[in-house]
C-alpha atoms as a PDB file:
ATOM      1  CA  UNK A   1     -23.071   8.128  19.976  1.00  0.00           C
ATOM      2  CA  UNK A   2     -25.422   7.259  16.761  1.00  0.00           C
ATOM      3  CA  UNK A   3     -24.620  10.678  15.536  1.00  0.00           C
ATOM      4  CA  UNK A   4     -20.896  10.014  15.997  1.00  0.00           C
ATOM      5  CA  UNK A   5     -21.243   6.621  13.837  1.00  0.00           C
ATOM      6  CA  UNK A   6     -22.994   8.022  11.009  1.00  0.00           C
ATOM      7  CA  UNK A   7     -20.534  10.816  10.920  1.00  0.00           C
ATOM      8  CA  UNK A   8     -17.768   8.455  10.818  1.00  0.00           C
ATOM      9  CA  UNK A   9     -19.540   6.187   8.269  1.00  0.00           C
ATOM     10  CA  UNK A  10     -20.269   9.254   5.981  1.00  0.00           C
ATOM     11  CA  UNK A  11     -16.648  10.196   6.307  1.00  0.00           C
ATOM     12  CA  UNK A  12     -15.148   6.506   5.392  1.00  0.00           C
ATOM     13  CA  UNK A  13     -17.635   6.389   2.421  1.00  0.00           C
ATOM     14  CA  UNK A  14     -16.483   9.653   1.189  1.00  0.00           C
ATOM     15  CA  UNK A  15     -12.987   8.706   1.441  1.00  0.00           C
ATOM     16  CA  UNK A  16     -13.756   5.446  -0.244  1.00  0.00           C
ATOM     17  CA  UNK A  17     -15.572   7.010  -2.709  1.00  0.00           C
ATOM     18  CA  UNK A  18     -13.052   9.859  -3.469  1.00  0.00           C
ATOM     19  CA  UNK A  19     -10.180   7.580  -4.382  1.00  0.00           C
ATOM     20  CA  UNK A  20     -12.076   6.491  -7.288  1.00  0.00           C
ATOM     21  CA  UNK A  21     -12.418  10.104  -8.485  1.00  0.00           C
ATOM     22  CA  UNK A  22      -8.816  10.907  -7.900  1.00  0.00           C
ATOM     23  CA  UNK A  23      -7.386   7.889  -9.459  1.00  0.00           C
ATOM     24  CA  UNK A  24     -10.005   6.356 -12.071  1.00  0.00           C
ATOM     25  CA  UNK A  25      -7.276   4.040 -14.016  1.00  0.00           C
ATOM     26  CA  UNK A  26      -6.789   2.258 -10.832  1.00  0.00           C
ATOM     27  CA  UNK A  27     -10.098   1.706 -10.177  1.00  0.00           C
ATOM     28  CA  UNK A  28     -10.359   0.591 -13.815  1.00  0.00           C
ATOM     29  CA  UNK A  29      -7.438  -2.031 -13.795  1.00  0.00           C
ATOM     30  CA  UNK A  30      -9.457  -3.394 -10.491  1.00  0.00           C
ATOM     31  CA  UNK A  31     -12.750  -3.580 -12.199  1.00  0.00           C
ATOM     32  CA  UNK A  32     -11.807  -4.475 -16.106  1.00  0.00           C
ATOM     33  CA  UNK A  33     -12.374  -8.443 -15.288  1.00  0.00           C
ATOM     34  CA  UNK A  34     -15.709  -7.442 -14.021  1.00  0.00           C
ATOM     35  CA  UNK A  35     -17.045  -5.141 -16.803  1.00  0.00           C
ATOM     36  CA  UNK A  36     -15.249  -6.785 -19.930  1.00  0.00           C
ATOM     37  CA  UNK A  37     -14.238 -10.079 -18.816  1.00  0.00           C
ATOM     38  CA  UNK A  38     -10.738  -9.573 -19.388  1.00  0.00           C
ATOM     39  CA  UNK A  39      -7.863  -7.780 -17.701  1.00  0.00           C
ATOM     40  CA  UNK A  40      -7.309  -3.826 -18.347  1.00  0.00           C
ATOM     41  CA  UNK A  41      -3.950  -4.418 -20.268  1.00  0.00           C
ATOM     42  CA  UNK A  42      -6.035  -6.463 -22.907  1.00  0.00           C
ATOM     43  CA  UNK A  43      -8.870  -3.771 -23.463  1.00  0.00           C
ATOM     44  CA  UNK A  44      -8.371  -1.008 -26.479  1.00  0.00           C
ATOM     45  CA  UNK A  45      -8.015   2.385 -25.483  1.00  0.00           C
ATOM     46  CA  UNK A  46     -11.750   3.484 -26.042  1.00  0.00           C
ATOM     47  CA  UNK A  47     -12.671   0.649 -23.764  1.00  0.00           C
ATOM     48  CA  UNK A  48     -10.241   1.875 -20.952  1.00  0.00           C
ATOM     49  CA  UNK A  49     -11.488   5.616 -21.590  1.00  0.00           C
ATOM     50  CA  UNK A  50     -15.310   4.390 -21.473  1.00  0.00           C
ATOM     51  CA  UNK A  51     -14.679   2.216 -18.160  1.00  0.00           C
ATOM     52  CA  UNK A  52     -12.411   4.954 -16.345  1.00  0.00           C
ATOM     53  CA  UNK A  53     -15.342   7.657 -17.148  1.00  0.00           C
ATOM     54  CA  UNK A  54     -17.824   5.294 -15.740  1.00  0.00           C
ATOM     55  CA  UNK A  55     -16.252   4.770 -12.801  1.00  0.00           C
ATOM     56  CA  UNK A  56     -15.370   8.178 -12.336  1.00  0.00           C
ATOM     57  CA  UNK A  57     -19.002   9.114 -12.871  1.00  0.00           C
ATOM     58  CA  UNK A  58     -20.154   6.537 -10.170  1.00  0.00           C
ATOM     59  CA  UNK A  59     -17.622   8.001  -7.704  1.00  0.00           C
ATOM     60  CA  UNK A  60     -19.266  11.528  -8.519  1.00  0.00           C
ATOM     61  CA  UNK A  61     -22.622  10.425  -7.980  1.00  0.00           C
ATOM     62  CA  UNK A  62     -21.813   8.883  -4.847  1.00  0.00           C
ATOM     63  CA  UNK A  63     -20.188  11.953  -3.406  1.00  0.00           C
ATOM     64  CA  UNK A  64     -23.323  13.883  -4.277  1.00  0.00           C
ATOM     65  CA  UNK A  65     -25.298  11.491  -2.494  1.00  0.00           C
ATOM     66  CA  UNK A  66     -23.217  11.727   0.662  1.00  0.00           C
ATOM     67  CA  UNK A  67     -23.405  15.008   0.644  1.00  0.00           C
ATOM     68  CA  UNK A  68     -27.397  15.041   0.121  1.00  0.00           C
ATOM     69  CA  UNK A  69     -27.374  12.266   3.156  1.00  0.00           C
ATOM     70  CA  UNK A  70     -25.172  14.282   5.467  1.00  0.00           C
ATOM     71  CA  UNK A  71     -27.095  17.713   4.833  1.00  0.00           C
ATOM     72  CA  UNK A  72     -30.455  15.467   5.259  1.00  0.00           C
ATOM     73  CA  UNK A  73     -29.185  14.063   8.701  1.00  0.00           C
ATOM     74  CA  UNK A  74     -27.855  17.760   9.885  1.00  0.00           C
ATOM     75  CA  UNK A  75     -31.127  19.134   9.089  1.00  0.00           C
ATOM     76  CA  UNK A  76     -33.124  16.048  11.040  1.00  0.00           C
ATOM     77  CA  UNK A  77     -30.945  16.899  13.875  1.00  0.00           C
ATOM     78  CA  UNK A  78     -31.123  20.345  13.961  1.00  0.00           C
ATOM     79  CA  UNK A  79     -35.178  20.022  13.843  1.00  0.00           C
ATOM     80  CA  UNK A  80     -34.751  17.578  16.660  1.00  0.00           C
ATOM     81  CA  UNK A  81     -32.871  19.801  18.865  1.00  0.00           C
ATOM     82  CA  UNK A  82     -35.187  22.723  18.023  1.00  0.00           C
ATOM     83  CA  UNK A  83     -38.065  20.365  19.156  1.00  0.00           C
ATOM     84  CA  UNK A  84     -36.241  19.149  22.423  1.00  0.00           C
ATOM     85  CA  UNK A  85     -35.506  22.785  23.556  1.00  0.00           C
ATOM     86  CA  UNK A  86     -39.133  23.982  23.189  1.00  0.00           C
ATOM     87  CA  UNK A  87     -40.148  21.167  24.852  1.00  0.00           C
ATOM     88  CA  UNK A  88     -38.158  22.033  28.092  1.00  0.00           C
ATOM     89  CA  UNK A  89     -39.725  25.547  27.977  1.00  0.00           C
END
């Protein structure tokens, strides 16, 4: 049950972070107030590009982190399975 929950969580997190990587402009429109204190439409071209690049970079970092966590969980579960199997014999 825990393994299933972790899988669903990892997939959900990957989907949410993937949205920013695919459409950084939409994410920038939503986050402009947080980063610059004014709406996206009031930013100059350089600020817009900087914000979009920053958000896309954050998304890519999240993708790599998700992959590393999933890989680590997989290795852990594989090791636990080997230990249980060897304990039964």
